[in-house]
N, C-alpha and C. Protein backbone atom coordinates (compact mmCIF):
# COMPACT_ATOMS: atom_id res chain seq x y z
N UNK A 1 -24.81 -85.55 -18.75
CA UNK A 1 -25.06 -84.49 -17.77
C UNK A 1 -26.57 -84.40 -17.55
N UNK A 2 -26.94 -84.39 -16.30
CA UNK A 2 -28.35 -84.35 -15.97
C UNK A 2 -28.92 -82.98 -16.29
N UNK A 3 -30.25 -82.92 -16.35
CA UNK A 3 -30.92 -81.66 -16.61
C UNK A 3 -30.64 -80.66 -15.50
N UNK A 4 -30.55 -81.15 -14.28
CA UNK A 4 -30.27 -80.26 -13.15
C UNK A 4 -28.87 -79.65 -13.27
N UNK A 5 -27.89 -80.46 -13.66
CA UNK A 5 -26.52 -79.97 -13.81
C UNK A 5 -26.45 -78.94 -14.93
N UNK A 6 -27.18 -79.21 -16.05
CA UNK A 6 -27.19 -78.27 -17.16
C UNK A 6 -27.77 -76.92 -16.73
N UNK A 7 -28.81 -76.97 -15.91
CA UNK A 7 -29.42 -75.71 -15.46
C UNK A 7 -28.48 -74.92 -14.56
N UNK A 8 -27.71 -75.64 -13.76
CA UNK A 8 -26.72 -74.95 -12.92
C UNK A 8 -25.66 -74.27 -13.76
N UNK A 9 -25.18 -74.95 -14.79
CA UNK A 9 -24.15 -74.38 -15.66
C UNK A 9 -24.71 -73.16 -16.39
N UNK A 10 -25.94 -73.26 -16.88
CA UNK A 10 -26.57 -72.16 -17.59
C UNK A 10 -26.73 -70.94 -16.68
N UNK A 11 -27.14 -71.17 -15.44
CA UNK A 11 -27.30 -70.07 -14.48
C UNK A 11 -25.96 -69.40 -14.19
N UNK A 12 -24.91 -70.19 -14.10
CA UNK A 12 -23.57 -69.64 -13.84
C UNK A 12 -23.10 -68.76 -15.00
N UNK A 13 -23.36 -69.25 -16.24
CA UNK A 13 -22.97 -68.48 -17.43
C UNK A 13 -23.74 -67.17 -17.50
N UNK A 14 -25.03 -67.20 -17.19
CA UNK A 14 -25.83 -65.98 -17.22
C UNK A 14 -25.34 -64.98 -16.18
N UNK A 15 -24.95 -65.47 -15.01
CA UNK A 15 -24.44 -64.59 -13.95
C UNK A 15 -23.16 -63.90 -14.40
N UNK A 16 -22.25 -64.64 -15.04
CA UNK A 16 -21.00 -64.05 -15.53
C UNK A 16 -21.29 -63.01 -16.60
N UNK A 17 -22.27 -63.27 -17.47
CA UNK A 17 -22.60 -62.33 -18.54
C UNK A 17 -23.15 -61.03 -17.98
N UNK A 18 -24.05 -61.13 -17.03
CA UNK A 18 -24.63 -59.94 -16.42
C UNK A 18 -23.55 -59.12 -15.72
N UNK A 19 -22.65 -59.79 -15.01
CA UNK A 19 -21.57 -59.09 -14.30
C UNK A 19 -20.67 -58.37 -15.28
N UNK A 20 -20.41 -59.01 -16.42
CA UNK A 20 -19.53 -58.38 -17.41
C UNK A 20 -20.18 -57.16 -18.02
N UNK A 21 -21.49 -57.16 -18.13
CA UNK A 21 -22.19 -56.02 -18.72
C UNK A 21 -22.45 -54.92 -17.71
N UNK A 22 -22.16 -55.18 -16.45
CA UNK A 22 -22.37 -54.17 -15.42
C UNK A 22 -23.81 -54.00 -15.04
N UNK A 23 -24.68 -55.01 -15.39
CA UNK A 23 -26.10 -54.89 -15.11
C UNK A 23 -26.46 -55.71 -13.90
N UNK A 24 -25.82 -55.35 -12.77
CA UNK A 24 -26.14 -56.04 -11.54
C UNK A 24 -27.33 -55.36 -10.88
N UNK A 25 -27.72 -55.88 -9.75
CA UNK A 25 -28.90 -55.35 -9.07
C UNK A 25 -28.74 -53.89 -8.67
N UNK A 26 -27.50 -53.43 -8.49
CA UNK A 26 -27.26 -52.06 -8.06
C UNK A 26 -27.27 -51.06 -9.20
N UNK A 27 -27.39 -51.50 -10.44
CA UNK A 27 -27.39 -50.60 -11.58
C UNK A 27 -25.98 -50.14 -11.88
N UNK A 28 -25.82 -49.20 -12.82
CA UNK A 28 -24.48 -48.69 -13.15
C UNK A 28 -23.83 -48.04 -11.95
N UNK A 29 -22.52 -48.16 -11.85
CA UNK A 29 -21.80 -47.60 -10.70
C UNK A 29 -21.83 -46.07 -10.75
N UNK A 30 -21.94 -45.43 -9.57
CA UNK A 30 -22.01 -43.96 -9.49
C UNK A 30 -20.63 -43.36 -9.72
N UNK A 31 -20.58 -42.15 -10.34
CA UNK A 31 -19.27 -41.50 -10.54
C UNK A 31 -18.70 -41.09 -9.19
N UNK A 32 -17.39 -41.06 -9.08
CA UNK A 32 -16.78 -40.67 -7.79
C UNK A 32 -17.17 -39.24 -7.43
N UNK A 33 -17.31 -38.97 -6.13
CA UNK A 33 -17.67 -37.63 -5.68
C UNK A 33 -16.51 -36.66 -5.90
N UNK A 34 -16.86 -35.33 -5.99
CA UNK A 34 -15.83 -34.31 -6.19
C UNK A 34 -14.94 -34.19 -4.96
N UNK A 35 -13.69 -33.87 -5.19
CA UNK A 35 -12.75 -33.65 -4.09
C UNK A 35 -12.40 -32.17 -4.07
N UNK A 36 -13.01 -31.42 -3.16
CA UNK A 36 -12.74 -29.99 -3.08
C UNK A 36 -11.30 -29.76 -2.64
N UNK A 37 -10.59 -28.96 -3.41
CA UNK A 37 -9.20 -28.66 -3.09
C UNK A 37 -8.20 -29.36 -3.98
N UNK A 38 -8.71 -30.17 -4.93
CA UNK A 38 -7.77 -30.88 -5.81
C UNK A 38 -7.45 -30.11 -7.09
N UNK A 39 -8.09 -28.92 -7.25
CA UNK A 39 -7.81 -28.11 -8.42
C UNK A 39 -8.58 -28.50 -9.66
N UNK A 40 -9.44 -29.51 -9.54
CA UNK A 40 -10.26 -29.95 -10.66
C UNK A 40 -11.69 -29.47 -10.42
N UNK A 41 -12.21 -28.64 -11.30
CA UNK A 41 -13.54 -28.07 -11.14
C UNK A 41 -14.59 -29.09 -11.57
N UNK A 42 -15.27 -29.66 -10.58
CA UNK A 42 -16.32 -30.64 -10.84
C UNK A 42 -17.66 -29.96 -10.71
N UNK A 43 -18.05 -29.22 -11.75
CA UNK A 43 -19.29 -28.46 -11.69
C UNK A 43 -20.50 -29.37 -11.60
N UNK A 44 -20.39 -30.56 -12.18
CA UNK A 44 -21.50 -31.50 -12.12
C UNK A 44 -21.76 -32.00 -10.71
N UNK A 45 -20.77 -31.88 -9.86
CA UNK A 45 -20.92 -32.31 -8.47
C UNK A 45 -21.16 -31.12 -7.55
N UNK A 46 -21.45 -29.96 -8.14
CA UNK A 46 -21.81 -28.80 -7.32
C UNK A 46 -20.68 -27.85 -7.02
N UNK A 47 -19.47 -28.11 -7.50
CA UNK A 47 -18.37 -27.18 -7.26
C UNK A 47 -18.51 -25.95 -8.17
N UNK A 48 -18.42 -24.77 -7.59
CA UNK A 48 -18.44 -23.53 -8.38
C UNK A 48 -17.03 -23.04 -8.66
N UNK A 49 -16.06 -23.57 -7.91
CA UNK A 49 -14.66 -23.21 -8.08
C UNK A 49 -13.82 -24.27 -7.39
N UNK A 50 -12.56 -24.33 -7.72
CA UNK A 50 -11.61 -25.20 -7.01
C UNK A 50 -10.22 -24.65 -7.26
N UNK A 51 -9.66 -24.01 -6.22
CA UNK A 51 -8.37 -23.32 -6.37
C UNK A 51 -7.21 -24.09 -5.74
N UNK A 52 -7.38 -25.39 -5.65
CA UNK A 52 -6.33 -26.29 -5.16
C UNK A 52 -6.07 -26.19 -3.66
N UNK A 53 -7.00 -25.57 -2.92
CA UNK A 53 -6.88 -25.57 -1.46
C UNK A 53 -8.27 -25.43 -0.87
N UNK A 54 -8.35 -25.58 0.44
CA UNK A 54 -9.63 -25.43 1.13
C UNK A 54 -9.57 -24.28 2.13
N UNK A 55 -8.74 -23.30 1.80
CA UNK A 55 -8.58 -22.14 2.68
C UNK A 55 -9.64 -21.10 2.35
N UNK A 56 -10.46 -20.71 3.34
CA UNK A 56 -11.46 -19.68 3.09
C UNK A 56 -10.83 -18.29 3.04
N UNK A 57 -11.55 -17.34 2.44
CA UNK A 57 -11.09 -15.96 2.40
C UNK A 57 -10.28 -15.60 1.18
N UNK A 58 -10.02 -16.58 0.30
CA UNK A 58 -9.22 -16.30 -0.90
C UNK A 58 -10.07 -16.31 -2.16
N UNK A 59 -11.39 -16.34 -1.98
CA UNK A 59 -12.28 -16.30 -3.13
C UNK A 59 -13.05 -17.59 -3.33
N UNK A 60 -12.41 -18.72 -3.03
CA UNK A 60 -13.03 -20.04 -3.17
C UNK A 60 -13.06 -20.68 -1.80
N UNK A 61 -14.24 -20.96 -1.28
CA UNK A 61 -14.38 -21.41 0.10
C UNK A 61 -13.92 -22.85 0.30
N UNK A 62 -13.97 -23.29 1.55
CA UNK A 62 -13.60 -24.67 1.89
C UNK A 62 -14.58 -25.67 1.30
N UNK A 63 -15.75 -25.20 0.86
CA UNK A 63 -16.73 -26.07 0.22
C UNK A 63 -16.75 -25.86 -1.30
N UNK A 64 -15.74 -25.18 -1.81
CA UNK A 64 -15.61 -24.91 -3.24
C UNK A 64 -16.79 -24.10 -3.79
N UNK A 65 -17.19 -23.10 -3.02
CA UNK A 65 -18.19 -22.13 -3.46
C UNK A 65 -17.51 -20.78 -3.60
N UNK A 66 -17.94 -19.99 -4.59
CA UNK A 66 -17.36 -18.66 -4.79
C UNK A 66 -17.79 -17.75 -3.65
N UNK A 67 -16.82 -17.11 -2.99
CA UNK A 67 -17.11 -16.26 -1.85
C UNK A 67 -17.60 -14.88 -2.29
N UNK A 68 -18.37 -14.27 -1.42
CA UNK A 68 -18.95 -12.95 -1.72
C UNK A 68 -17.84 -11.94 -1.99
N UNK A 69 -18.00 -11.18 -3.08
CA UNK A 69 -17.02 -10.15 -3.43
C UNK A 69 -15.96 -10.63 -4.39
N UNK A 70 -16.04 -11.90 -4.84
CA UNK A 70 -15.03 -12.47 -5.73
C UNK A 70 -15.66 -13.01 -7.00
N UNK A 71 -14.84 -13.15 -8.04
CA UNK A 71 -15.20 -13.95 -9.21
C UNK A 71 -14.08 -14.97 -9.40
N UNK A 72 -14.44 -16.16 -9.84
CA UNK A 72 -13.47 -17.24 -10.03
C UNK A 72 -13.66 -17.86 -11.41
N UNK A 73 -12.56 -18.13 -12.09
CA UNK A 73 -12.62 -18.75 -13.42
C UNK A 73 -11.52 -19.79 -13.54
N UNK A 74 -11.72 -20.73 -14.49
CA UNK A 74 -10.68 -21.68 -14.85
C UNK A 74 -10.62 -22.89 -13.93
N UNK A 75 -9.73 -23.83 -14.29
CA UNK A 75 -9.49 -25.01 -13.49
C UNK A 75 -8.01 -25.36 -13.56
N UNK A 76 -7.24 -25.26 -12.49
CA UNK A 76 -7.72 -24.82 -11.17
C UNK A 76 -8.19 -23.37 -11.21
N UNK A 77 -9.11 -23.05 -10.32
CA UNK A 77 -9.74 -21.73 -10.33
C UNK A 77 -8.79 -20.63 -9.88
N UNK A 78 -8.90 -19.49 -10.56
CA UNK A 78 -8.19 -18.27 -10.16
C UNK A 78 -9.26 -17.26 -9.76
N UNK A 79 -9.18 -16.79 -8.52
CA UNK A 79 -10.21 -15.90 -7.98
C UNK A 79 -9.65 -14.50 -7.79
N UNK A 80 -10.47 -13.51 -8.07
CA UNK A 80 -10.06 -12.12 -7.89
C UNK A 80 -11.23 -11.32 -7.34
N UNK A 81 -10.88 -10.29 -6.57
CA UNK A 81 -11.91 -9.43 -6.00
C UNK A 81 -12.51 -8.54 -7.08
N UNK A 82 -13.75 -8.14 -6.90
CA UNK A 82 -14.43 -7.25 -7.83
C UNK A 82 -14.44 -5.86 -7.20
N UNK A 83 -13.46 -5.04 -7.56
CA UNK A 83 -13.40 -3.68 -7.02
C UNK A 83 -14.53 -2.86 -7.60
N UNK A 84 -15.30 -2.21 -6.71
CA UNK A 84 -16.40 -1.39 -7.15
C UNK A 84 -17.76 -2.01 -6.90
N UNK A 85 -17.78 -3.23 -6.32
CA UNK A 85 -19.07 -3.87 -6.04
C UNK A 85 -19.60 -3.56 -4.65
N UNK A 86 -18.84 -2.77 -3.88
CA UNK A 86 -19.30 -2.38 -2.56
C UNK A 86 -18.99 -3.38 -1.47
N UNK A 87 -18.32 -4.47 -1.82
CA UNK A 87 -17.96 -5.50 -0.84
C UNK A 87 -16.46 -5.50 -0.64
N UNK A 88 -16.01 -5.30 0.58
CA UNK A 88 -14.58 -5.24 0.87
C UNK A 88 -14.04 -6.67 0.97
N UNK A 89 -13.24 -7.07 -0.03
CA UNK A 89 -12.62 -8.40 -0.04
C UNK A 89 -11.21 -8.27 0.50
N UNK A 90 -11.11 -8.26 1.84
CA UNK A 90 -9.81 -8.05 2.48
C UNK A 90 -8.83 -9.16 2.11
N UNK A 91 -9.34 -10.36 1.90
CA UNK A 91 -8.47 -11.48 1.54
C UNK A 91 -7.78 -11.29 0.21
N UNK A 92 -8.33 -10.42 -0.63
CA UNK A 92 -7.73 -10.13 -1.95
C UNK A 92 -7.00 -8.81 -1.94
N UNK A 93 -6.82 -8.21 -0.76
CA UNK A 93 -6.05 -6.97 -0.66
C UNK A 93 -6.86 -5.70 -0.76
N UNK A 94 -8.18 -5.79 -0.82
CA UNK A 94 -8.99 -4.58 -0.84
C UNK A 94 -9.00 -3.94 0.55
N UNK A 95 -8.70 -2.65 0.61
CA UNK A 95 -8.76 -1.92 1.88
C UNK A 95 -10.07 -1.16 2.02
N UNK A 96 -10.79 -1.01 0.91
CA UNK A 96 -12.07 -0.31 0.90
C UNK A 96 -12.78 -0.68 -0.39
N UNK A 97 -14.08 -0.42 -0.44
CA UNK A 97 -14.85 -0.57 -1.67
C UNK A 97 -16.10 0.28 -1.53
N UNK A 98 -16.12 1.40 -2.25
CA UNK A 98 -17.21 2.37 -2.10
C UNK A 98 -18.21 2.30 -3.26
N UNK A 99 -18.27 1.16 -3.91
CA UNK A 99 -19.23 0.89 -4.99
C UNK A 99 -18.92 1.62 -6.29
N UNK A 100 -17.70 2.15 -6.44
CA UNK A 100 -17.31 2.71 -7.73
C UNK A 100 -15.80 2.56 -7.88
N UNK A 101 -15.32 2.87 -9.06
CA UNK A 101 -13.88 2.78 -9.32
C UNK A 101 -13.30 4.15 -9.64
N UNK A 102 -13.94 5.20 -9.11
CA UNK A 102 -13.44 6.56 -9.31
C UNK A 102 -12.41 6.89 -8.25
N UNK A 103 -11.31 7.51 -8.65
CA UNK A 103 -10.29 7.94 -7.70
C UNK A 103 -10.61 9.36 -7.23
N UNK A 104 -9.99 9.73 -6.10
CA UNK A 104 -10.16 11.07 -5.57
C UNK A 104 -11.29 11.22 -4.57
N UNK A 105 -12.02 10.13 -4.33
CA UNK A 105 -13.13 10.19 -3.38
C UNK A 105 -12.82 9.44 -2.09
N UNK A 106 -11.58 9.04 -1.92
CA UNK A 106 -11.16 8.36 -0.70
C UNK A 106 -10.80 6.91 -0.92
N UNK A 107 -11.50 6.26 -1.84
CA UNK A 107 -11.22 4.86 -2.17
C UNK A 107 -10.84 4.80 -3.65
N UNK A 108 -9.63 4.39 -3.94
CA UNK A 108 -9.09 4.50 -5.30
C UNK A 108 -9.72 3.48 -6.24
N UNK A 109 -9.35 3.57 -7.52
CA UNK A 109 -9.85 2.63 -8.53
C UNK A 109 -9.34 1.21 -8.28
N UNK A 110 -8.33 1.08 -7.41
CA UNK A 110 -7.82 -0.24 -7.04
C UNK A 110 -8.29 -0.65 -5.65
N UNK A 111 -9.28 0.07 -5.14
CA UNK A 111 -9.85 -0.22 -3.81
C UNK A 111 -8.83 -0.12 -2.69
N UNK A 112 -8.02 0.94 -2.74
CA UNK A 112 -7.10 1.28 -1.67
C UNK A 112 -7.48 2.64 -1.10
N UNK A 113 -7.27 2.82 0.22
CA UNK A 113 -7.60 4.08 0.86
C UNK A 113 -6.61 5.14 0.39
N UNK A 114 -7.14 6.26 -0.10
CA UNK A 114 -6.28 7.31 -0.62
C UNK A 114 -5.75 8.20 0.50
N UNK A 115 -4.62 8.81 0.23
CA UNK A 115 -3.95 9.65 1.22
C UNK A 115 -4.88 10.79 1.67
N UNK A 116 -4.95 10.98 2.97
CA UNK A 116 -5.77 12.05 3.52
C UNK A 116 -7.18 11.63 3.88
N UNK A 117 -7.50 10.35 3.67
CA UNK A 117 -8.84 9.84 3.95
C UNK A 117 -8.82 8.70 4.96
N UNK A 118 -9.94 8.48 5.58
CA UNK A 118 -10.20 7.25 6.33
C UNK A 118 -11.49 6.67 5.75
N UNK A 119 -11.52 5.34 5.64
CA UNK A 119 -12.68 4.65 5.08
C UNK A 119 -13.10 3.53 6.02
N UNK A 120 -14.41 3.35 6.15
CA UNK A 120 -14.93 2.30 7.03
C UNK A 120 -16.22 1.75 6.46
N UNK A 121 -16.54 0.51 6.85
CA UNK A 121 -17.81 -0.10 6.46
C UNK A 121 -17.76 -0.77 5.12
N UNK A 122 -18.87 -1.45 4.80
CA UNK A 122 -19.02 -2.10 3.50
C UNK A 122 -20.48 -1.97 3.06
N UNK A 123 -20.77 -1.21 2.00
CA UNK A 123 -19.82 -0.45 1.19
C UNK A 123 -19.10 0.61 2.00
N UNK A 124 -17.90 0.94 1.59
CA UNK A 124 -17.06 1.87 2.35
C UNK A 124 -17.56 3.30 2.25
N UNK A 125 -17.52 3.98 3.38
CA UNK A 125 -17.79 5.41 3.43
C UNK A 125 -16.47 6.09 3.81
N UNK A 126 -15.99 6.98 2.96
CA UNK A 126 -14.69 7.61 3.16
C UNK A 126 -14.87 9.09 3.49
N UNK A 127 -14.04 9.55 4.38
CA UNK A 127 -14.08 10.97 4.76
C UNK A 127 -12.65 11.48 4.94
N UNK A 128 -12.49 12.77 4.69
CA UNK A 128 -11.17 13.38 4.84
C UNK A 128 -10.85 13.51 6.32
N UNK A 129 -9.56 13.44 6.63
CA UNK A 129 -9.09 13.60 8.00
C UNK A 129 -8.43 14.96 8.11
N UNK A 130 -9.20 15.96 8.49
CA UNK A 130 -8.64 17.31 8.61
C UNK A 130 -7.66 17.34 9.78
N UNK A 131 -6.47 17.86 9.50
CA UNK A 131 -5.44 17.95 10.53
C UNK A 131 -4.35 16.91 10.40
N UNK A 132 -4.44 16.07 9.36
CA UNK A 132 -3.40 15.05 9.19
C UNK A 132 -2.26 15.51 8.28
N UNK A 133 -2.37 16.74 7.77
CA UNK A 133 -1.30 17.28 6.94
C UNK A 133 -1.38 16.90 5.49
N UNK A 134 -2.43 16.18 5.10
CA UNK A 134 -2.59 15.78 3.71
C UNK A 134 -3.87 16.39 3.16
N UNK A 135 -3.75 17.17 2.08
CA UNK A 135 -4.90 17.87 1.52
C UNK A 135 -5.74 16.90 0.68
N UNK A 136 -6.95 16.62 1.15
CA UNK A 136 -7.87 15.76 0.41
C UNK A 136 -8.86 16.64 -0.33
N UNK A 137 -8.43 17.13 -1.49
CA UNK A 137 -9.26 18.08 -2.24
C UNK A 137 -10.56 17.43 -2.70
N UNK A 138 -10.52 16.12 -2.92
CA UNK A 138 -11.73 15.42 -3.35
C UNK A 138 -12.81 15.44 -2.29
N UNK A 139 -12.45 15.68 -1.04
CA UNK A 139 -13.42 15.75 0.05
C UNK A 139 -13.68 17.18 0.46
N UNK A 140 -13.19 18.15 -0.34
CA UNK A 140 -13.48 19.55 -0.07
C UNK A 140 -12.46 20.28 0.78
N UNK A 141 -11.33 19.62 1.10
CA UNK A 141 -10.29 20.32 1.86
C UNK A 141 -9.55 21.29 0.94
N UNK A 142 -9.41 22.54 1.37
CA UNK A 142 -8.66 23.54 0.61
C UNK A 142 -7.24 23.66 1.13
N UNK A 143 -7.01 23.14 2.33
CA UNK A 143 -5.70 23.19 2.96
C UNK A 143 -5.67 22.16 4.09
N UNK A 144 -4.50 21.81 4.55
CA UNK A 144 -4.36 20.96 5.73
C UNK A 144 -2.94 21.17 6.25
N UNK A 145 -2.87 21.92 7.36
CA UNK A 145 -1.56 22.28 7.90
C UNK A 145 -1.12 21.39 9.06
N UNK A 146 -1.77 20.25 9.19
CA UNK A 146 -1.35 19.29 10.22
C UNK A 146 -1.96 19.54 11.58
N UNK A 147 -2.91 20.48 11.67
CA UNK A 147 -3.59 20.71 12.94
C UNK A 147 -5.00 21.23 12.67
N UNK A 148 -5.77 21.36 13.71
CA UNK A 148 -7.13 21.89 13.56
C UNK A 148 -7.26 23.20 14.34
N UNK A 149 -6.15 23.93 14.44
CA UNK A 149 -6.15 25.23 15.12
C UNK A 149 -6.65 26.31 14.18
N UNK A 150 -7.56 27.12 14.65
CA UNK A 150 -8.09 28.22 13.83
C UNK A 150 -7.16 29.43 13.89
N UNK A 151 -7.34 30.35 12.94
CA UNK A 151 -6.64 31.62 12.86
C UNK A 151 -5.14 31.48 12.60
N UNK A 152 -4.76 30.37 11.98
CA UNK A 152 -3.37 30.22 11.54
C UNK A 152 -3.29 30.12 10.02
N UNK A 153 -4.40 30.41 9.38
CA UNK A 153 -4.44 30.37 7.92
C UNK A 153 -5.30 29.25 7.39
N UNK A 154 -5.26 28.11 8.08
CA UNK A 154 -6.06 26.94 7.68
C UNK A 154 -6.98 26.62 8.85
N UNK A 155 -8.26 26.70 8.62
CA UNK A 155 -9.23 26.59 9.71
C UNK A 155 -9.35 25.16 10.25
N UNK A 156 -10.18 25.03 11.28
CA UNK A 156 -10.42 23.72 11.90
C UNK A 156 -11.17 22.77 10.96
N UNK A 157 -11.72 23.33 9.89
CA UNK A 157 -12.39 22.49 8.89
C UNK A 157 -11.61 22.44 7.59
N UNK A 158 -10.34 22.82 7.68
CA UNK A 158 -9.42 22.76 6.53
C UNK A 158 -9.87 23.65 5.36
N UNK A 159 -10.26 24.86 5.70
CA UNK A 159 -10.55 25.88 4.70
C UNK A 159 -9.59 27.05 4.90
N UNK A 160 -9.20 27.69 3.80
CA UNK A 160 -8.28 28.83 3.88
C UNK A 160 -9.01 30.01 4.53
N UNK A 161 -8.39 30.58 5.55
CA UNK A 161 -9.01 31.69 6.26
C UNK A 161 -8.73 33.02 5.56
N UNK A 162 -9.62 33.96 5.78
CA UNK A 162 -9.51 35.27 5.13
C UNK A 162 -8.19 35.95 5.49
N UNK A 163 -7.54 36.53 4.49
CA UNK A 163 -6.29 37.24 4.71
C UNK A 163 -5.06 36.37 4.53
N UNK A 164 -5.25 35.10 4.17
CA UNK A 164 -4.12 34.17 4.01
C UNK A 164 -4.09 33.59 2.60
N UNK A 165 -2.91 33.18 2.23
CA UNK A 165 -2.76 32.30 1.07
C UNK A 165 -2.08 31.03 1.58
N UNK A 166 -2.53 29.90 1.09
CA UNK A 166 -2.02 28.61 1.56
C UNK A 166 -1.66 27.74 0.37
N UNK A 167 -0.61 26.96 0.53
CA UNK A 167 -0.20 26.04 -0.53
C UNK A 167 0.54 24.87 0.07
N UNK A 168 0.64 23.81 -0.72
CA UNK A 168 1.41 22.64 -0.32
C UNK A 168 0.61 21.64 0.50
N UNK A 169 1.24 20.50 0.72
CA UNK A 169 0.65 19.42 1.51
C UNK A 169 1.79 18.67 2.21
N UNK A 170 1.97 18.88 3.54
CA UNK A 170 1.14 19.71 4.41
C UNK A 170 1.18 21.18 4.00
N UNK A 171 0.14 21.88 4.36
CA UNK A 171 -0.06 23.25 3.91
C UNK A 171 0.73 24.26 4.74
N UNK A 172 1.33 25.22 4.03
CA UNK A 172 1.96 26.37 4.67
C UNK A 172 1.15 27.60 4.32
N UNK A 173 0.74 28.35 5.32
CA UNK A 173 -0.11 29.53 5.09
C UNK A 173 0.64 30.80 5.47
N UNK A 174 0.47 31.81 4.67
CA UNK A 174 1.08 33.11 4.96
C UNK A 174 0.03 34.20 4.76
N UNK A 175 0.19 35.28 5.51
CA UNK A 175 -0.72 36.40 5.33
C UNK A 175 -0.38 37.14 4.04
N UNK A 176 -1.35 37.86 3.52
CA UNK A 176 -1.16 38.62 2.29
C UNK A 176 -1.24 40.10 2.64
N UNK A 177 -0.09 40.70 2.86
CA UNK A 177 -0.07 42.12 3.22
C UNK A 177 -0.51 42.95 2.02
N UNK A 178 -1.45 43.83 2.24
CA UNK A 178 -1.95 44.68 1.17
C UNK A 178 -3.31 44.28 0.66
N UNK A 179 -3.89 43.23 1.25
CA UNK A 179 -5.20 42.81 0.78
C UNK A 179 -6.34 43.45 1.57
N UNK A 180 -5.97 44.28 2.56
CA UNK A 180 -6.98 44.97 3.34
C UNK A 180 -7.56 44.16 4.47
N UNK A 181 -7.00 42.97 4.71
CA UNK A 181 -7.50 42.11 5.79
C UNK A 181 -6.38 41.87 6.79
N UNK A 182 -6.40 42.50 7.95
CA UNK A 182 -5.37 42.22 8.96
C UNK A 182 -5.50 40.77 9.44
N UNK A 183 -4.43 40.02 9.33
CA UNK A 183 -4.49 38.60 9.70
C UNK A 183 -3.16 38.17 10.29
N UNK A 184 -3.22 37.23 11.20
CA UNK A 184 -2.01 36.66 11.79
C UNK A 184 -1.14 37.71 12.45
N UNK A 185 0.13 37.77 12.07
CA UNK A 185 1.04 38.72 12.71
C UNK A 185 0.90 40.15 12.20
N UNK A 186 0.03 40.39 11.22
CA UNK A 186 -0.13 41.74 10.69
C UNK A 186 -0.71 42.68 11.75
N UNK A 187 -0.05 43.80 11.97
CA UNK A 187 -0.55 44.80 12.91
C UNK A 187 -1.58 45.70 12.26
N UNK A 188 -1.54 45.75 10.92
CA UNK A 188 -2.48 46.55 10.16
C UNK A 188 -2.47 46.08 8.73
N UNK A 189 -3.47 46.46 7.96
CA UNK A 189 -3.49 46.18 6.52
C UNK A 189 -4.48 47.15 5.90
N UNK A 190 -3.93 48.17 5.24
CA UNK A 190 -4.79 49.22 4.68
C UNK A 190 -5.11 49.04 3.21
N UNK A 191 -4.81 47.82 2.71
CA UNK A 191 -5.18 47.51 1.34
C UNK A 191 -4.19 47.97 0.30
N UNK A 192 -3.02 48.47 0.73
CA UNK A 192 -2.00 48.87 -0.24
C UNK A 192 -0.62 48.66 0.37
N UNK A 193 0.40 48.85 -0.43
CA UNK A 193 1.78 48.69 0.03
C UNK A 193 2.52 50.02 -0.03
N UNK A 194 1.80 51.11 0.20
CA UNK A 194 2.40 52.45 0.17
C UNK A 194 3.04 52.75 1.53
N UNK A 195 4.33 53.09 1.55
CA UNK A 195 4.96 53.39 2.83
C UNK A 195 4.56 54.78 3.35
N UNK A 196 4.62 54.93 4.66
CA UNK A 196 4.41 56.21 5.29
C UNK A 196 2.97 56.67 5.37
N UNK A 197 2.04 55.80 5.08
CA UNK A 197 0.63 56.21 5.11
C UNK A 197 -0.09 55.69 6.36
N UNK A 198 0.70 55.23 7.32
CA UNK A 198 0.13 54.71 8.56
C UNK A 198 0.31 53.21 8.68
N UNK A 199 0.30 52.56 7.56
CA UNK A 199 0.51 51.10 7.56
C UNK A 199 1.58 50.82 6.51
N UNK A 200 2.70 50.32 6.97
CA UNK A 200 3.86 50.10 6.08
C UNK A 200 3.64 48.89 5.17
N UNK A 201 4.50 48.73 4.13
CA UNK A 201 4.38 47.59 3.20
C UNK A 201 4.54 46.23 3.85
N UNK A 202 5.09 46.20 5.08
CA UNK A 202 5.17 44.93 5.78
C UNK A 202 4.03 44.76 6.79
N UNK A 203 3.03 45.63 6.68
CA UNK A 203 1.85 45.59 7.53
C UNK A 203 2.19 45.83 9.00
N UNK A 204 3.15 46.69 9.24
CA UNK A 204 3.39 47.20 10.58
C UNK A 204 2.95 48.67 10.60
N UNK A 205 2.61 49.14 11.77
CA UNK A 205 2.13 50.53 11.88
C UNK A 205 3.31 51.49 11.71
N UNK A 206 3.10 52.52 10.87
CA UNK A 206 4.13 53.51 10.65
C UNK A 206 4.45 54.22 11.97
N UNK A 207 5.74 54.29 12.34
CA UNK A 207 6.10 54.95 13.60
C UNK A 207 5.64 56.40 13.59
């Protein structure tokens, strides 16, 4: 075998050895890129979550980033809204979020609008709806008789009017005969329930 032939064989053997070791001109092969939506959390490739889909609004975006108002854990990722952070995550069922988890202020500890309130914005601002028949005591309503008519016992601002007692939700108001305050259908009220003194116990004028 000539020297030239030997050199060709040697070069061929060296080429096979380098290829077997993976030390080609391109260096080691790159790891495959992450596939968002496959349920495998590839944090090294920039994925912050992967919930096995690319649907936005469920906590993990189409780019496998955690959406505002959510926390995501595990692989595949499970995402849940953070009630009380002031961000309304409608995709997770939040109807409101007023930056706390206290009930009775319009937005419940589960971020649902409480009866007798309306809530809007983010963070949510909740206010009582006077006249809806639901007493929102947390918003300062003392009564709610289903209307905003004054002089029927429950005022236009849902406060009990003088001479009445009110209870229930929706509220029923009645006058208090004998309290000295003529109200509603009372023709008189002299502060007592003594008959024959000019104002009868039913608050009608003595004939």
